Each structure stands twice: as structure tokens, then as C-alpha cells.
Amino acid sequence: SLMLAMLDEGTETRDSTRIAEEQERLGATISTGASLDASSIVLDALTANLAPSLALMADIARNPAFAEGEVARVRAQQLARLSQVEATPSALASRSLAPLLFGDSHPYGLPSDGLGNAASLSALTSGALRAAHKRWLRPDLARITVVGDVTMDALKPLLEEAFGSWKAPGSDLPRKAIDAPVPAPRSRIVVIDRPNSPQSVIMGGRVLALTGRDRNLEALDLANEVLGNGFLSRLNMDLREDKGWSYGVRATVSSPVGPRALTISAPVQADRTGDSIQLIMADMAAFPGMKPVDPVELGRVTDGNIRGLPNRFQTNAQV
């Protein structure tokens, strides 16, 4: 995460100011990010300026400087973010859940925000970031996806110019053990004490017997919309609209390459914490056996998703 955040802070031939000025002059935006499964560099550029924009993107991706002073500055920013996260109940609950679900031996068992902890973050040096870059950002692991007003015949020579000389290192491809065993699920409640909090944040989760490679999971996602993903879902209507204990409840099903997880997030008033946990568990236990999906719920989630499809594929970035 820190390595990717450092990419646009300077290359071997450009400092961060020059990178920012070139993006502004070209009308381009380059962003970087880390997720469970991918390191990404995203370029949003004008077709007319695609060649110089790709050249700038390639320099950022291939030749980062990791200057000591810049590393110290961005590392301090990350440490400040970590302090803020650890003081925010919802963020603290979220980063605490993945290690509980996936355990120590699975790569998904790290805090979900990618910030590690203060000790691991403080220990990162310019050399460590350079090693991470060499290990993970290599052409034999990369994929390039382009969406826009450009043909393959026009695009490919530009990509060859920017990335064609990028050579893979001689080392073996790194492997992320996403097939590592996951601890058997067991019912438990873990409490993180934060004195004098006016509300509690309830996070629930379970690893599913599914991975992101499984297909035809529309029924699972629609069932989750009935149960907890949306304002009209059962959990939200029960805790928020009926009981008035929460501003909103949300259930999500993750979609990584490896094991998927069902998670529930519910900020609730503190004196109703136990009642809310009990109600969430009861609503989930009743679904779908004791309380099947009714025709109104089925029509709402299917029709709503069909009618919302155009909005999901409206922009280049969405496509």
C-alpha cells in the first residue's frame, strides 16, 4: 500500500511537482491503489494526448525513485491515517474483522485497510519499498485494459512505445497463497472496549464456501439484497425503521479472487447493543427457511437491478 502511494511522488527523472504539472498540462489523471488481489495504476487521459500520457504513466509505474525524504513524509501520513482509523469505531471494527475471519496463515487475514500496524509501518524503508516494487510490479504479472475512443490498431503502437521495453526480472513469479486454509467458523462475540461511546458498531462476518472464481452467483447477491443490502432490506427495516436503534444496517458479500465473505455492519445505540445482536442473528436464522423471499421482495430486487444496469456501465471507468 505504501509502495503504491509512493509511485507518483517522484521517478528517476521527474520529481512529484513535475509529475503533477505534466498531468495538469496533459489533462490527465493518474491514480494508484491496492486491493486484496491487485495493485492498480489507473490513467484517465484525453485521446489526443494519449501518447505522452502513457509515457508519464509508464515512468511512474516502472521507474519510481523512492527518495528517502519523500518516503519519510508519506510514511508519516500513513501513520497519521492509522491513528485516525484506530480512533474511529467503524474503521477499527472493520480492520479488526478480517484477522478474526481468516486467521494468521491466510493473506486475507491482514487488516482490510492495508495500513498494517504502527510497528510494521514505521519499519518500512526506501529499500523495502524498492524490493516490493521489484517483486510485484513486473510485466509478466501485469494486464492492461483500455476503454475509450481508440482502436486497437492505434493503441497498440502507443503501448509498445511506453511498455514494450519493460523486461521481467529473472526471479520466479511471486505467489499469493489464496488457497491457504481458513479457520473453521465458530460462533463468538469479540468486544473492543471504547469507553463512553454513545453508540456501538456491530460487525459480523463469516467466510463462505465460495471463491471469486465461482460463477452464476446472481442469486446470492439478490438474496443478500433482500436480507441486508439496501434501505428496504429486512435487517435495515427491522433495526432502523421498526426499532429505531440504528441509522442503517448493511450486509455485503465480498468478491475477491479467493474466499468470499459475508459481512454485516450495524452502528447502533449503545444501550441496545445486545438486543441488536440478538435481532440480527434471529433475522439471519429465519432466512430463508422460516421466512422465505416473498413475491414483493423478489420483484423489487430483480426489477431494481435490471433497471439499474445502464447506470453501472455508463462511463469508461465503469466499463
Protein backbone atom coordinates (compact mmCIF):
# COMPACT_ATOMS: atom_id res chain seq x y z
CA SER A 1 0.00 0.00 0.00
CA LEU A 2 2.77 2.45 0.88
CA MET A 3 4.80 1.46 -2.17
CA LEU A 4 1.87 2.23 -4.48
CA ALA A 5 1.20 5.52 -2.70
CA MET A 6 4.82 6.48 -3.42
CA LEU A 7 4.76 5.92 -7.18
CA ASP A 8 3.67 9.45 -8.13
CA GLU A 9 5.96 11.07 -5.54
CA GLY A 10 8.91 11.02 -7.91
CA THR A 11 10.71 8.93 -10.52
CA GLU A 12 14.36 8.75 -11.56
CA THR A 13 13.84 11.73 -13.91
CA ARG A 14 10.79 13.57 -12.51
CA ASP A 15 10.02 14.90 -9.03
CA SER A 16 6.48 14.99 -7.65
CA THR A 17 5.94 18.62 -8.71
CA ARG A 18 6.88 17.90 -12.31
CA ILE A 19 4.61 14.84 -12.35
CA ALA A 20 1.69 16.96 -11.11
CA GLU A 21 2.44 19.73 -13.64
CA GLU A 22 2.61 17.27 -16.55
CA GLN A 23 -0.72 15.71 -15.58
CA GLU A 24 -2.30 19.17 -15.48
CA ARG A 25 -0.79 20.16 -18.84
CA LEU A 26 -1.98 16.93 -20.48
CA GLY A 27 -5.43 16.94 -18.87
CA ALA A 28 -4.60 13.53 -17.42
CA THR A 29 -5.11 11.95 -14.01
CA ILE A 30 -3.00 9.05 -12.74
CA SER A 31 -4.00 7.24 -9.56
CA THR A 32 -2.70 4.16 -7.77
CA GLY A 33 -4.20 1.75 -5.28
CA ALA A 34 -4.01 -1.61 -3.56
CA SER A 35 -6.80 -4.13 -3.01
CA LEU A 36 -6.89 -7.69 -1.67
CA ASP A 37 -5.83 -9.11 -5.03
CA ALA A 38 -4.40 -6.32 -7.17
CA SER A 39 -2.02 -3.41 -7.37
CA SER A 40 -3.51 -0.90 -9.80
CA ILE A 41 -2.33 2.15 -11.71
CA VAL A 42 -5.15 3.99 -13.49
CA LEU A 43 -4.75 6.61 -16.20
CA ASP A 44 -7.63 8.86 -17.24
CA ALA A 45 -6.48 10.78 -20.33
CA LEU A 46 -7.64 12.65 -23.41
CA THR A 47 -7.39 10.52 -26.55
CA ALA A 48 -5.50 13.34 -28.30
CA ASN A 49 -2.86 13.29 -25.55
CA LEU A 50 -2.73 9.54 -25.10
CA ALA A 51 0.90 9.02 -26.19
CA PRO A 52 2.53 11.48 -23.74
CA SER A 53 0.08 10.46 -21.00
CA LEU A 54 1.05 6.80 -21.41
CA ALA A 55 4.72 7.79 -21.32
CA LEU A 56 4.16 9.54 -17.99
CA MET A 57 2.18 6.57 -16.64
CA ALA A 58 4.92 4.15 -17.70
CA ASP A 59 7.61 6.23 -16.00
CA ILE A 60 5.58 6.29 -12.76
CA ALA A 61 4.97 2.53 -12.92
CA ARG A 62 8.47 1.47 -13.95
CA ASN A 63 10.95 3.95 -12.51
CA PRO A 64 9.91 5.19 -9.04
CA ALA A 65 12.69 6.87 -7.08
CA PHE A 66 11.54 6.12 -3.52
CA ALA A 67 13.58 9.07 -2.28
CA GLU A 68 14.26 8.85 1.45
CA GLY A 69 12.72 12.24 2.24
CA GLU A 70 9.54 11.51 0.28
CA VAL A 71 9.24 8.05 1.86
CA ALA A 72 9.51 9.58 5.34
CA ARG A 73 6.82 12.15 4.54
CA VAL A 74 4.28 9.71 3.05
CA ARG A 75 5.00 7.14 5.76
CA ALA A 76 4.18 9.80 8.37
CA GLN A 77 0.90 10.47 6.53
CA GLN A 78 0.08 6.76 6.63
CA LEU A 79 0.85 6.62 10.36
CA ALA A 80 -1.48 9.58 10.90
CA ARG A 81 -4.17 7.75 8.92
CA LEU A 82 -3.63 4.68 11.09
CA SER A 83 -4.06 6.73 14.26
CA GLN A 84 -7.26 8.20 12.89
CA VAL A 85 -8.56 4.74 11.93
CA GLU A 86 -7.81 3.32 15.37
CA ALA A 87 -9.77 6.19 16.96
CA THR A 88 -12.83 5.67 14.72
CA PRO A 89 -15.13 2.86 15.90
CA SER A 90 -16.44 1.85 12.46
CA ALA A 91 -12.96 1.80 10.90
CA LEU A 92 -11.47 -0.01 13.89
CA ALA A 93 -14.21 -2.66 13.74
CA SER A 94 -13.74 -3.12 10.01
CA ARG A 95 -9.96 -3.59 10.18
CA SER A 96 -10.33 -5.99 13.11
CA LEU A 97 -12.74 -8.35 11.34
CA ALA A 98 -10.52 -9.82 8.60
CA PRO A 99 -7.90 -11.26 11.01
CA LEU A 100 -10.72 -12.88 13.00
CA LEU A 101 -12.31 -14.43 9.91
CA PHE A 102 -9.21 -15.57 8.01
CA GLY A 103 -6.62 -16.12 10.73
CA ASP A 104 -2.85 -15.66 10.61
CA SER A 105 -1.99 -18.06 7.78
CA HIS A 106 -4.22 -16.63 5.04
CA PRO A 107 -3.21 -13.50 3.08
CA TYR A 108 -6.73 -12.10 3.54
CA GLY A 109 -6.17 -12.15 7.32
CA LEU A 110 -4.47 -8.74 7.28
CA PRO A 111 -6.27 -5.55 8.39
CA SER A 112 -8.51 -4.63 5.47
CA ASP A 113 -7.30 -1.03 5.15
CA GLY A 114 -3.76 -2.07 4.15
CA LEU A 115 -2.20 0.01 6.92
CA GLY A 116 -0.73 -2.87 8.94
CA ASN A 117 0.18 -1.66 12.41
CA ALA A 118 2.37 1.13 13.74
CA ALA A 119 5.41 -1.12 14.14
CA SER A 120 5.25 -2.65 10.65
CA LEU A 121 4.50 0.69 9.01
CA SER A 122 7.29 2.51 10.85
CA ALA A 123 9.78 -0.15 9.77
CA LEU A 124 9.21 0.39 6.03
CA THR A 125 12.24 1.94 4.34
CA SER A 126 13.06 3.07 0.83
CA GLY A 127 14.82 -0.26 0.31
CA ALA A 128 11.78 -2.23 1.45
CA LEU A 129 9.53 -0.34 -0.97
CA ARG A 130 12.01 -0.87 -3.81
CA ALA A 131 12.01 -4.61 -3.08
CA ALA A 132 8.19 -4.72 -3.02
CA HIS A 133 8.09 -2.88 -6.34
CA LYS A 134 10.56 -5.30 -7.92
CA ARG A 135 8.65 -8.29 -6.59
CA TRP A 136 5.10 -7.35 -7.57
CA LEU A 137 5.16 -4.72 -10.35
CA ARG A 138 6.55 -6.73 -13.24
CA PRO A 139 5.33 -7.17 -16.83
CA ASP A 140 4.77 -10.93 -16.57
CA LEU A 141 2.13 -10.26 -13.88
CA ALA A 142 0.56 -7.19 -15.49
CA ARG A 143 -2.61 -6.76 -17.51
CA ILE A 144 -3.51 -3.62 -19.43
CA THR A 145 -7.16 -2.75 -20.00
CA VAL A 146 -8.12 0.26 -22.12
CA VAL A 147 -11.60 1.71 -22.65
CA GLY A 148 -12.17 4.78 -24.79
CA ASP A 149 -12.43 6.35 -28.22
CA VAL A 150 -9.45 4.50 -29.65
CA THR A 151 -8.92 1.46 -31.87
CA MET A 152 -6.54 -1.41 -31.19
CA ASP A 153 -4.55 -0.52 -34.33
CA ALA A 154 -3.97 3.00 -32.99
CA LEU A 155 -3.49 1.92 -29.37
CA LYS A 156 -1.06 -0.97 -29.61
CA PRO A 157 1.91 1.01 -31.02
CA LEU A 158 1.48 3.54 -28.18
CA LEU A 159 1.51 0.76 -25.59
CA GLU A 160 4.56 -0.82 -27.22
CA GLU A 161 6.34 2.53 -27.11
CA ALA A 162 5.54 3.05 -23.41
CA PHE A 163 5.83 -0.51 -22.08
CA GLY A 164 7.47 -2.64 -24.80
CA SER A 165 10.97 -2.43 -23.33
CA TRP A 166 9.79 -3.43 -19.84
CA LYS A 167 11.59 -6.68 -19.06
CA ALA A 168 10.65 -9.24 -16.42
CA PRO A 169 13.23 -9.91 -13.71
CA GLY A 170 14.93 -13.28 -13.63
CA SER A 171 13.34 -14.25 -10.31
CA ASP A 172 10.39 -16.64 -10.07
CA LEU A 173 6.90 -15.22 -10.11
CA PRO A 174 5.69 -14.46 -6.58
CA ARG A 175 2.71 -16.48 -5.44
CA LYS A 176 -0.01 -15.37 -3.07
CA ALA A 177 -1.43 -18.38 -1.23
CA ILE A 178 -5.12 -17.53 -1.51
CA ASP A 179 -5.88 -21.26 -1.28
CA ALA A 180 -4.40 -21.39 2.23
CA PRO A 181 -6.74 -22.92 4.84
CA VAL A 182 -9.24 -20.69 6.61
CA PRO A 183 -10.13 -21.33 10.27
CA ALA A 184 -13.36 -23.26 10.75
CA PRO A 185 -16.14 -20.79 11.60
CA ARG A 186 -17.42 -20.73 15.15
CA SER A 187 -19.97 -18.55 16.87
CA ARG A 188 -18.35 -15.95 19.09
CA ILE A 189 -18.59 -12.31 20.10
CA VAL A 190 -15.39 -10.23 20.28
CA VAL A 191 -15.60 -6.97 22.22
CA ILE A 192 -13.30 -3.98 21.64
CA ASP A 193 -13.80 -1.63 24.57
CA ARG A 194 -14.08 2.08 23.79
CA PRO A 195 -15.30 3.81 26.98
CA ASN A 196 -18.03 6.48 26.85
CA SER A 197 -19.05 5.73 23.26
CA PRO A 198 -22.64 6.89 22.60
CA GLN A 199 -23.14 4.05 20.13
CA SER A 200 -21.70 0.65 19.32
CA VAL A 201 -20.55 -0.60 15.94
CA ILE A 202 -21.51 -4.21 15.32
CA MET A 203 -19.50 -6.04 12.66
CA GLY A 204 -20.43 -9.60 11.82
CA GLY A 205 -18.92 -11.96 9.31
CA ARG A 206 -18.42 -15.45 8.02
CA VAL A 207 -16.23 -16.90 5.28
CA LEU A 208 -18.38 -18.60 2.63
CA ALA A 209 -17.70 -21.88 0.85
CA LEU A 210 -17.30 -19.87 -2.36
CA THR A 211 -14.49 -18.04 -4.12
CA GLY A 212 -14.42 -15.19 -6.60
CA ARG A 213 -13.82 -17.75 -9.35
CA ASP A 214 -17.26 -19.28 -8.81
CA ARG A 215 -19.75 -18.14 -11.41
CA ASN A 216 -23.52 -17.64 -11.60
CA LEU A 217 -23.80 -16.04 -8.17
CA GLU A 218 -26.60 -13.62 -9.08
CA ALA A 219 -28.96 -15.47 -6.73
CA LEU A 220 -26.57 -14.99 -3.80
CA ASP A 221 -26.25 -11.26 -4.42
CA LEU A 222 -30.00 -10.83 -4.83
CA ALA A 223 -30.70 -12.83 -1.68
CA ASN A 224 -28.28 -10.56 0.17
CA GLU A 225 -30.22 -7.53 -1.09
CA VAL A 226 -33.37 -8.99 0.44
CA LEU A 227 -31.60 -9.71 3.71
CA GLY A 228 -29.33 -6.76 4.31
CA ASN A 229 -28.01 -4.81 1.32
CA GLY A 230 -30.27 -1.84 0.80
CA PHE A 231 -32.61 0.50 2.62
CA LEU A 232 -35.61 -1.83 2.17
CA SER A 233 -33.70 -4.94 3.29
CA ARG A 234 -35.04 -6.92 6.22
CA LEU A 235 -32.19 -6.07 8.59
CA ASN A 236 -32.36 -2.35 7.90
CA MET A 237 -36.14 -2.18 8.11
CA ASP A 238 -36.09 -4.09 11.38
CA LEU A 239 -33.27 -2.26 13.21
CA ARG A 240 -33.78 1.21 11.75
CA GLU A 241 -37.39 1.64 10.68
CA ASP A 242 -39.15 -0.62 13.19
CA LYS A 243 -36.93 -0.47 16.30
CA GLY A 244 -35.15 2.85 15.70
CA TRP A 245 -31.89 1.52 17.14
CA SER A 246 -29.67 2.28 14.13
CA TYR A 247 -29.17 4.80 11.33
CA GLY A 248 -28.59 1.94 8.93
CA VAL A 249 -27.56 -1.71 8.61
CA ARG A 250 -25.68 -3.12 5.65
CA ALA A 251 -24.75 -6.65 4.61
CA THR A 252 -22.22 -7.24 1.83
CA VAL A 253 -20.76 -10.25 0.04
CA SER A 254 -17.14 -9.65 -0.99
CA SER A 255 -15.94 -10.65 -4.45
CA PRO A 256 -12.16 -11.25 -4.32
CA VAL A 257 -10.32 -13.92 -6.30
CA GLY A 258 -10.09 -16.11 -3.19
CA PRO A 259 -12.64 -16.95 -0.49
CA ARG A 260 -15.68 -14.70 -0.34
CA ALA A 261 -17.06 -13.45 2.96
CA LEU A 262 -20.45 -12.23 4.13
CA THR A 263 -20.14 -9.23 6.43
CA ILE A 264 -22.68 -7.13 8.30
CA SER A 265 -22.17 -3.61 9.64
CA ALA A 266 -24.59 -2.01 12.08
CA PRO A 267 -23.93 1.11 14.16
CA VAL A 268 -26.48 1.02 16.98
CA GLN A 269 -27.25 2.99 20.12
CA ALA A 270 -25.07 1.69 22.93
CA ASP A 271 -27.83 0.59 25.30
CA ARG A 272 -29.33 -1.61 22.56
CA THR A 273 -26.13 -3.40 21.57
CA GLY A 274 -27.13 -6.80 22.95
CA ASP A 275 -30.71 -6.51 21.66
CA SER A 276 -29.40 -5.60 18.19
CA ILE A 277 -27.02 -8.57 18.04
CA GLN A 278 -29.87 -10.85 19.07
CA LEU A 279 -32.20 -9.39 16.44
CA ILE A 280 -29.60 -9.64 13.65
CA MET A 281 -28.95 -13.29 14.49
CA ALA A 282 -32.67 -14.04 14.61
CA ASP A 283 -33.34 -12.38 11.24
CA MET A 284 -30.49 -14.29 9.64
CA ALA A 285 -31.55 -17.59 11.17
CA ALA A 286 -35.06 -17.11 9.75
CA PHE A 287 -33.76 -16.55 6.24
CA PRO A 288 -34.78 -18.23 4.04
CA GLY A 289 -36.21 -21.32 5.78
CA MET A 290 -38.73 -19.87 8.25
CA LYS A 291 -39.27 -16.69 6.26
CA PRO A 292 -38.73 -17.25 2.53
CA VAL A 293 -38.33 -14.47 -0.02
CA ASP A 294 -41.82 -13.23 -0.84
CA PRO A 295 -43.02 -12.11 -4.32
CA VAL A 296 -42.76 -8.41 -3.44
CA GLU A 297 -39.12 -8.77 -2.33
CA LEU A 298 -38.27 -10.88 -5.38
CA GLY A 299 -39.79 -8.36 -7.78
CA ARG A 300 -38.14 -5.42 -6.04
CA VAL A 301 -34.57 -6.73 -6.16
CA THR A 302 -34.76 -8.26 -9.67
CA ASP A 303 -36.57 -5.33 -11.32
CA GLY A 304 -34.41 -2.82 -9.48
CA ASN A 305 -31.19 -4.44 -10.68
CA ILE A 306 -32.38 -4.77 -14.28
CA ARG A 307 -33.46 -1.13 -14.42
CA GLY A 308 -30.24 0.00 -12.80
CA LEU A 309 -27.96 -1.82 -15.29
CA PRO A 310 -27.42 1.19 -17.61
CA ASN A 311 -26.05 3.23 -14.69
CA ARG A 312 -23.47 0.53 -13.96
CA PHE A 313 -21.88 0.71 -17.43
CA GLN A 314 -22.26 4.38 -18.26
CA THR A 315 -18.68 5.66 -18.03
CA ASN A 316 -15.35 4.46 -19.37
CA ALA A 317 -14.17 3.70 -15.84
CA GLN A 318 -17.25 1.57 -15.12
CA VAL A 319 -16.80 -0.39 -18.34
